[in-house]
């Protein structure tokens, strides 16, 4: 199994449905994605 740690800006693009997320889609598809606790905190901010 492959786990990919995703940075805050990428997660933000995906959640906001920003067109910049499309550039990362090929790399993210089919992966188990993980985010750090700091990313969770920044998203709540």
C-alpha atoms as a PDB file:
ATOM      1  CA  UNK A   1       0.000   0.000   0.000  1.00  0.00           C
ATOM      2  CA  UNK A   2       1.242   3.444  -0.881  1.00  0.00           C
ATOM      3  CA  UNK A   3       0.526   6.411   1.408  1.00  0.00           C
ATOM      4  CA  UNK A   4       1.057   9.934   0.149  1.00  0.00           C
ATOM      5  CA  UNK A   5       1.423  12.833   2.614  1.00  0.00           C
ATOM      6  CA  UNK A   6      -0.342  15.818   1.063  1.00  0.00           C
ATOM      7  CA  UNK A   7       0.668  19.404   1.800  1.00  0.00           C
ATOM      8  CA  UNK A   8      -1.810  21.985   3.073  1.00  0.00           C
ATOM      9  CA  UNK A   9      -1.977  23.964  -0.150  1.00  0.00           C
ATOM     10  CA  UNK A  10      -2.888  20.873  -2.182  1.00  0.00           C
ATOM     11  CA  UNK A  11      -5.625  19.904   0.283  1.00  0.00           C
ATOM     12  CA  UNK A  12      -6.941  23.456   0.166  1.00  0.00           C
ATOM     13  CA  UNK A  13      -7.090  23.391  -3.645  1.00  0.00           C
ATOM     14  CA  UNK A  14      -9.058  20.155  -3.575  1.00  0.00           C
ATOM     15  CA  UNK A  15     -11.524  21.298  -0.892  1.00  0.00           C
ATOM     16  CA  UNK A  16     -12.132  24.622  -2.638  1.00  0.00           C
ATOM     17  CA  UNK A  17     -12.444  22.893  -6.023  1.00  0.00           C
ATOM     18  CA  UNK A  18      -9.745  25.230  -7.305  1.00  0.00           C
ATOM     19  CA  UNK A  19      -8.580  24.574 -10.855  1.00  0.00           C
ATOM     20  CA  UNK A  20      -4.994  24.255  -9.594  1.00  0.00           C
ATOM     21  CA  UNK A  21      -5.995  20.930  -8.031  1.00  0.00           C
ATOM     22  CA  UNK A  22      -6.282  19.440 -11.508  1.00  0.00           C
ATOM     23  CA  UNK A  23      -2.502  19.576 -11.890  1.00  0.00           C
ATOM     24  CA  UNK A  24      -2.143  17.246  -8.890  1.00  0.00           C
ATOM     25  CA  UNK A  25      -5.023  14.882  -9.681  1.00  0.00           C
ATOM     26  CA  UNK A  26      -2.972  12.306 -11.655  1.00  0.00           C
ATOM     27  CA  UNK A  27      -0.574  11.898  -8.715  1.00  0.00           C
ATOM     28  CA  UNK A  28      -3.317  11.766  -6.066  1.00  0.00           C
ATOM     29  CA  UNK A  29      -5.686   9.332  -7.785  1.00  0.00           C
ATOM     30  CA  UNK A  30      -5.362   5.773  -6.569  1.00  0.00           C
ATOM     31  CA  UNK A  31      -3.263   6.709  -3.541  1.00  0.00           C
ATOM     32  CA  UNK A  32      -4.085   6.531   0.130  1.00  0.00           C
ATOM     33  CA  UNK A  33      -3.817  10.159   1.165  1.00  0.00           C
ATOM     34  CA  UNK A  34      -2.691  11.470   4.544  1.00  0.00           C
ATOM     35  CA  UNK A  35      -2.444  14.940   6.038  1.00  0.00           C
ATOM     36  CA  UNK A  36      -0.478  16.172   9.025  1.00  0.00           C
ATOM     37  CA  UNK A  37      -2.019  17.461  12.240  1.00  0.00           C
ATOM     38  CA  UNK A  38      -0.727  20.916  11.303  1.00  0.00           C
ATOM     39  CA  UNK A  39      -2.675  20.760   8.042  1.00  0.00           C
ATOM     40  CA  UNK A  40      -5.827  19.903  10.004  1.00  0.00           C
ATOM     41  CA  UNK A  41      -5.220  22.902  12.284  1.00  0.00           C
ATOM     42  CA  UNK A  42      -4.601  25.231   9.324  1.00  0.00           C
ATOM     43  CA  UNK A  43      -7.799  24.083   7.620  1.00  0.00           C
ATOM     44  CA  UNK A  44      -9.792  24.811  10.777  1.00  0.00           C
ATOM     45  CA  UNK A  45      -8.212  28.293  10.954  1.00  0.00           C
END
